[in-house]
Amino acid sequence: MSAVWEFREINFHRGTKRSEVKSYLTAMAEVERWELERVRVYQDGSRYVRLRRKIYHLQRTA
């Protein structure tokens, strides 16, 4: 069994409230099993978020 990481990058505009970003990322973590890898907050207030999750490739035996 080998694990491979899958990544998703999301950009939030500066007008997006912090609570909205938090609730969206919480839902992604609980439902789709994403975890936070990186968050960048730029000077203009926009946010860059990179999520990751493991994808397992099962190999048939026998």
PDB file of N, CA and C in Angstrom:
ATOM      1  N   MET A   1       0.843  -1.165   0.000  1.00  0.00           N
ATOM      2  CA  MET A   1       0.000   0.000   0.000  1.00  0.00           C
ATOM      3  C   MET A   1       0.898   1.242   0.000  1.00  0.00           C
ATOM      4  N   SER A   2       0.668   2.105  -0.944  1.00  0.00           N
ATOM      5  CA  SER A   2       1.453   3.328  -1.010  1.00  0.00           C
ATOM      6  C   SER A   2       0.538   4.545  -0.938  1.00  0.00           C
ATOM      7  N   ALA A   3       1.031   5.601  -0.345  1.00  0.00           N
ATOM      8  CA  ALA A   3       0.230   6.816  -0.190  1.00  0.00           C
ATOM      9  C   ALA A   3       0.779   7.907  -1.092  1.00  0.00           C
ATOM     10  N   VAL A   4      -0.130   8.637  -1.694  1.00  0.00           N
ATOM     11  CA  VAL A   4       0.216   9.759  -2.541  1.00  0.00           C
ATOM     12  C   VAL A   4      -0.611  10.947  -2.065  1.00  0.00           C
ATOM     13  N   TRP A   5      -0.020  12.134  -2.083  1.00  0.00           N
ATOM     14  CA  TRP A   5      -0.736  13.322  -1.648  1.00  0.00           C
ATOM     15  C   TRP A   5      -1.457  13.970  -2.826  1.00  0.00           C
ATOM     16  N   GLU A   6      -2.670  14.398  -2.576  1.00  0.00           N
ATOM     17  CA  GLU A   6      -3.441  15.180  -3.539  1.00  0.00           C
ATOM     18  C   GLU A   6      -3.539  16.603  -2.975  1.00  0.00           C
ATOM     19  N   PHE A   7      -3.392  17.606  -3.827  1.00  0.00           N
ATOM     20  CA  PHE A   7      -3.386  18.992  -3.370  1.00  0.00           C
ATOM     21  C   PHE A   7      -4.520  19.776  -4.009  1.00  0.00           C
ATOM     22  N   ARG A   8      -4.994  20.779  -3.284  1.00  0.00           N
ATOM     23  CA  ARG A   8      -6.003  21.712  -3.793  1.00  0.00           C
ATOM     24  C   ARG A   8      -5.625  23.108  -3.332  1.00  0.00           C
ATOM     25  N   GLU A   9      -5.605  24.040  -4.258  1.00  0.00           N
ATOM     26  CA  GLU A   9      -5.267  25.422  -3.942  1.00  0.00           C
ATOM     27  C   GLU A   9      -6.509  26.285  -4.071  1.00  0.00           C
ATOM     28  N   ILE A  10      -6.732  27.142  -3.070  1.00  0.00           N
ATOM     29  CA  ILE A  10      -7.921  27.990  -3.029  1.00  0.00           C
ATOM     30  C   ILE A  10      -7.473  29.415  -2.730  1.00  0.00           C
ATOM     31  N   ASN A  11      -8.047  30.368  -3.447  1.00  0.00           N
ATOM     32  CA  ASN A  11      -7.791  31.785  -3.192  1.00  0.00           C
ATOM     33  C   ASN A  11      -9.075  32.439  -2.708  1.00  0.00           C
ATOM     34  N   PHE A  12      -8.952  33.223  -1.644  1.00  0.00           N
ATOM     35  CA  PHE A  12     -10.084  33.968  -1.105  1.00  0.00           C
ATOM     36  C   PHE A  12      -9.822  35.454  -1.322  1.00  0.00           C
ATOM     37  N   HIS A  13     -10.825  36.167  -1.782  1.00  0.00           N
ATOM     38  CA  HIS A  13     -10.701  37.605  -1.995  1.00  0.00           C
ATOM     39  C   HIS A  13     -10.607  38.330  -0.666  1.00  0.00           C
ATOM     40  N   ARG A  14     -10.139  39.544  -0.706  1.00  0.00           N
ATOM     41  CA  ARG A  14      -9.964  40.308   0.527  1.00  0.00           C
ATOM     42  C   ARG A  14     -11.282  40.627   1.214  1.00  0.00           C
ATOM     43  N   GLY A  15     -12.383  40.610   0.488  1.00  0.00           N
ATOM     44  CA  GLY A  15     -13.683  40.893   1.076  1.00  0.00           C
ATOM     45  C   GLY A  15     -14.287  39.719   1.835  1.00  0.00           C
ATOM     46  N   THR A  16     -13.682  38.548   1.721  1.00  0.00           N
ATOM     47  CA  THR A  16     -14.192  37.362   2.407  1.00  0.00           C
ATOM     48  C   THR A  16     -13.868  37.451   3.892  1.00  0.00           C
ATOM     49  N   LYS A  17     -14.879  37.270   4.706  1.00  0.00           N
ATOM     50  CA  LYS A  17     -14.683  37.355   6.151  1.00  0.00           C
ATOM     51  C   LYS A  17     -13.911  36.150   6.663  1.00  0.00           C
ATOM     52  N   ARG A  18     -13.177  36.365   7.733  1.00  0.00           N
ATOM     53  CA  ARG A  18     -12.379  35.299   8.330  1.00  0.00           C
ATOM     54  C   ARG A  18     -13.257  34.144   8.796  1.00  0.00           C
ATOM     55  N   SER A  19     -14.421  34.462   9.337  1.00  0.00           N
ATOM     56  CA  SER A  19     -15.329  33.417   9.811  1.00  0.00           C
ATOM     57  C   SER A  19     -15.852  32.565   8.645  1.00  0.00           C
ATOM     58  N   GLU A  20     -16.060  33.170   7.485  1.00  0.00           N
ATOM     59  CA  GLU A  20     -16.505  32.420   6.309  1.00  0.00           C
ATOM     60  C   GLU A  20     -15.409  31.481   5.813  1.00  0.00           C
ATOM     61  N   VAL A  21     -14.182  31.961   5.816  1.00  0.00           N
ATOM     62  CA  VAL A  21     -13.046  31.115   5.414  1.00  0.00           C
ATOM     63  C   VAL A  21     -12.908  29.949   6.381  1.00  0.00           C
ATOM     64  N   LYS A  22     -13.031  30.240   7.662  1.00  0.00           N
ATOM     65  CA  LYS A  22     -12.903  29.202   8.692  1.00  0.00           C
ATOM     66  C   LYS A  22     -13.973  28.133   8.537  1.00  0.00           C
ATOM     67  N   SER A  23     -15.214  28.532   8.331  1.00  0.00           N
ATOM     68  CA  SER A  23     -16.290  27.552   8.194  1.00  0.00           C
ATOM     69  C   SER A  23     -16.130  26.727   6.925  1.00  0.00           C
ATOM     70  N   TYR A  24     -15.680  27.343   5.837  1.00  0.00           N
ATOM     71  CA  TYR A  24     -15.460  26.601   4.593  1.00  0.00           C
ATOM     72  C   TYR A  24     -14.349  25.570   4.761  1.00  0.00           C
ATOM     73  N   LEU A  25     -13.237  25.976   5.360  1.00  0.00           N
ATOM     74  CA  LEU A  25     -12.113  25.054   5.545  1.00  0.00           C
ATOM     75  C   LEU A  25     -12.452  23.945   6.540  1.00  0.00           C
ATOM     76  N   THR A  26     -13.250  24.250   7.548  1.00  0.00           N
ATOM     77  CA  THR A  26     -13.691  23.235   8.502  1.00  0.00           C
ATOM     78  C   THR A  26     -14.551  22.185   7.811  1.00  0.00           C
ATOM     79  N   ALA A  27     -15.439  22.637   6.946  1.00  0.00           N
ATOM     80  CA  ALA A  27     -16.283  21.697   6.202  1.00  0.00           C
ATOM     81  C   ALA A  27     -15.444  20.817   5.279  1.00  0.00           C
ATOM     82  N   MET A  28     -14.455  21.400   4.634  1.00  0.00           N
ATOM     83  CA  MET A  28     -13.578  20.618   3.755  1.00  0.00           C
ATOM     84  C   MET A  28     -12.822  19.557   4.557  1.00  0.00           C
ATOM     85  N   ALA A  29     -12.400  19.909   5.756  1.00  0.00           N
ATOM     86  CA  ALA A  29     -11.640  18.972   6.584  1.00  0.00           C
ATOM     87  C   ALA A  29     -12.520  17.841   7.093  1.00  0.00           C
ATOM     88  N   GLU A  30     -13.731  18.165   7.531  1.00  0.00           N
ATOM     89  CA  GLU A  30     -14.601  17.151   8.114  1.00  0.00           C
ATOM     90  C   GLU A  30     -15.217  16.235   7.072  1.00  0.00           C
ATOM     91  N   VAL A  31     -15.665  16.793   5.971  1.00  0.00           N
ATOM     92  CA  VAL A  31     -16.396  16.011   4.982  1.00  0.00           C
ATOM     93  C   VAL A  31     -15.464  15.309   3.998  1.00  0.00           C
ATOM     94  N   GLU A  32     -14.494  16.051   3.466  1.00  0.00           N
ATOM     95  CA  GLU A  32     -13.647  15.498   2.407  1.00  0.00           C
ATOM     96  C   GLU A  32     -12.246  15.119   2.876  1.00  0.00           C
ATOM     97  N   ARG A  33     -11.991  15.253   4.172  1.00  0.00           N
ATOM     98  CA  ARG A  33     -10.724  14.838   4.790  1.00  0.00           C
ATOM     99  C   ARG A  33      -9.498  15.593   4.278  1.00  0.00           C
ATOM    100  N   TRP A  34      -9.671  16.867   3.973  1.00  0.00           N
ATOM    101  CA  TRP A  34      -8.542  17.706   3.598  1.00  0.00           C
ATOM    102  C   TRP A  34      -7.880  18.215   4.866  1.00  0.00           C
ATOM    103  N   GLU A  35      -6.574  18.457   4.801  1.00  0.00           N
ATOM    104  CA  GLU A  35      -5.873  19.084   5.910  1.00  0.00           C
ATOM    105  C   GLU A  35      -5.106  20.293   5.385  1.00  0.00           C
ATOM    106  N   LEU A  36      -4.902  21.238   6.261  1.00  0.00           N
ATOM    107  CA  LEU A  36      -4.268  22.494   5.903  1.00  0.00           C
ATOM    108  C   LEU A  36      -2.768  22.301   5.755  1.00  0.00           C
ATOM    109  N   GLU A  37      -2.222  22.708   4.612  1.00  0.00           N
ATOM    110  CA  GLU A  37      -0.782  22.632   4.440  1.00  0.00           C
ATOM    111  C   GLU A  37      -0.138  24.015   4.535  1.00  0.00           C
ATOM    112  N   ARG A  38      -0.740  25.014   3.892  1.00  0.00           N
ATOM    113  CA  ARG A  38      -0.145  26.345   3.885  1.00  0.00           C
ATOM    114  C   ARG A  38      -1.223  27.412   3.767  1.00  0.00           C
ATOM    115  N   VAL A  39      -1.021  28.504   4.475  1.00  0.00           N
ATOM    116  CA  VAL A  39      -1.893  29.676   4.367  1.00  0.00           C
ATOM    117  C   VAL A  39      -1.002  30.901   4.196  1.00  0.00           C
ATOM    118  N   ARG A  40      -1.323  31.704   3.215  1.00  0.00           N
ATOM    119  CA  ARG A  40      -0.623  32.975   3.020  1.00  0.00           C
ATOM    120  C   ARG A  40      -1.661  34.084   3.023  1.00  0.00           C
ATOM    121  N   VAL A  41      -1.390  35.114   3.793  1.00  0.00           N
ATOM    122  CA  VAL A  41      -2.241  36.299   3.792  1.00  0.00           C
ATOM    123  C   VAL A  41      -1.408  37.417   3.183  1.00  0.00           C
ATOM    124  N   TYR A  42      -1.874  37.927   2.056  1.00  0.00           N
ATOM    125  CA  TYR A  42      -1.129  38.957   1.351  1.00  0.00           C
ATOM    126  C   TYR A  42      -1.457  40.338   1.892  1.00  0.00           C
ATOM    127  N   GLN A  43      -0.647  41.323   1.523  1.00  0.00           N
ATOM    128  CA  GLN A  43      -0.816  42.682   2.033  1.00  0.00           C
ATOM    129  C   GLN A  43      -2.148  43.296   1.629  1.00  0.00           C
ATOM    130  N   ASP A  44      -2.693  42.871   0.502  1.00  0.00           N
ATOM    131  CA  ASP A  44      -3.986  43.420   0.070  1.00  0.00           C
ATOM    132  C   ASP A  44      -5.161  42.758   0.781  1.00  0.00           C
ATOM    133  N   GLY A  45      -4.885  41.771   1.639  1.00  0.00           N
ATOM    134  CA  GLY A  45      -5.930  41.124   2.420  1.00  0.00           C
ATOM    135  C   GLY A  45      -6.440  39.819   1.832  1.00  0.00           C
ATOM    136  N   SER A  46      -6.012  39.477   0.627  1.00  0.00           N
ATOM    137  CA  SER A  46      -6.440  38.203   0.042  1.00  0.00           C
ATOM    138  C   SER A  46      -5.686  37.055   0.700  1.00  0.00           C
ATOM    139  N   ARG A  47      -6.282  35.871   0.628  1.00  0.00           N
ATOM    140  CA  ARG A  47      -5.695  34.690   1.257  1.00  0.00           C
ATOM    141  C   ARG A  47      -5.486  33.592   0.230  1.00  0.00           C
ATOM    142  N   TYR A  48      -4.363  32.918   0.345  1.00  0.00           N
ATOM    143  CA  TYR A  48      -4.042  31.754  -0.460  1.00  0.00           C
ATOM    144  C   TYR A  48      -3.975  30.569   0.487  1.00  0.00           C
ATOM    145  N   VAL A  49      -4.719  29.514   0.187  1.00  0.00           N
ATOM    146  CA  VAL A  49      -4.763  28.334   1.043  1.00  0.00           C
ATOM    147  C   VAL A  49      -4.422  27.112   0.197  1.00  0.00           C
ATOM    148  N   ARG A  50      -3.547  26.278   0.716  1.00  0.00           N
ATOM    149  CA  ARG A  50      -3.214  25.021   0.053  1.00  0.00           C
ATOM    150  C   ARG A  50      -3.592  23.880   0.979  1.00  0.00           C
ATOM    151  N   LEU A  51      -4.438  22.976   0.490  1.00  0.00           N
ATOM    152  CA  LEU A  51      -4.902  21.824   1.253  1.00  0.00           C
ATOM    153  C   LEU A  51      -4.280  20.557   0.684  1.00  0.00           C
ATOM    154  N   ARG A  52      -4.214  19.531   1.499  1.00  0.00           N
ATOM    155  CA  ARG A  52      -3.716  18.241   1.010  1.00  0.00           C
ATOM    156  C   ARG A  52      -4.493  17.115   1.669  1.00  0.00           C
ATOM    157  N   ARG A  53      -4.518  15.980   1.008  1.00  0.00           N
ATOM    158  CA  ARG A  53      -5.080  14.762   1.590  1.00  0.00           C
ATOM    159  C   ARG A  53      -4.388  13.567   0.965  1.00  0.00           C
ATOM    160  N   LYS A  54      -4.365  12.480   1.716  1.00  0.00           N
ATOM    161  CA  LYS A  54      -3.706  11.267   1.248  1.00  0.00           C
ATOM    162  C   LYS A  54      -4.647  10.454   0.391  1.00  0.00           C
ATOM    163  N   ILE A  55      -4.098   9.942  -0.679  1.00  0.00           N
ATOM    164  CA  ILE A  55      -4.806   9.024  -1.554  1.00  0.00           C
ATOM    165  C   ILE A  55      -4.064   7.693  -1.459  1.00  0.00           C
ATOM    166  N   TYR A  56      -4.782   6.682  -1.035  1.00  0.00           N
ATOM    167  CA  TYR A  56      -4.166   5.366  -0.900  1.00  0.00           C
ATOM    168  C   TYR A  56      -4.468   4.522  -2.126  1.00  0.00           C
ATOM    169  N   HIS A  57      -3.425   3.941  -2.683  1.00  0.00           N
ATOM    170  CA  HIS A  57      -3.578   3.033  -3.802  1.00  0.00           C
ATOM    171  C   HIS A  57      -3.366   1.622  -3.284  1.00  0.00           C
ATOM    172  N   LEU A  58      -4.414   0.858  -3.241  1.00  0.00           N
ATOM    173  CA  LEU A  58      -4.329  -0.503  -2.745  1.00  0.00           C
ATOM    174  C   LEU A  58      -3.924  -1.442  -3.865  1.00  0.00           C
ATOM    175  N   GLN A  59      -3.032  -2.344  -3.547  1.00  0.00           N
ATOM    176  CA  GLN A  59      -2.590  -3.315  -4.526  1.00  0.00           C
ATOM    177  C   GLN A  59      -3.214  -4.660  -4.204  1.00  0.00           C
ATOM    178  N   ARG A  60      -3.719  -5.258  -5.220  1.00  0.00           N
ATOM    179  CA  ARG A  60      -4.352  -6.562  -5.061  1.00  0.00           C
ATOM    180  C   ARG A  60      -3.297  -7.629  -4.808  1.00  0.00           C
ATOM    181  N   THR A  61      -3.588  -8.490  -3.857  1.00  0.00           N
ATOM    182  CA  THR A  61      -2.666  -9.583  -3.550  1.00  0.00           C
ATOM    183  C   THR A  61      -3.300 -10.905  -3.989  1.00  0.00           C
ATOM    184  N   ALA A  62      -2.454 -11.851  -4.251  1.00  0.00           N
ATOM    185  CA  ALA A  62      -2.874 -13.208  -4.638  1.00  0.00           C
ATOM    186  C   ALA A  62      -3.159 -13.356  -6.045  1.00  0.00           C
TER     187      ALA A  62
END
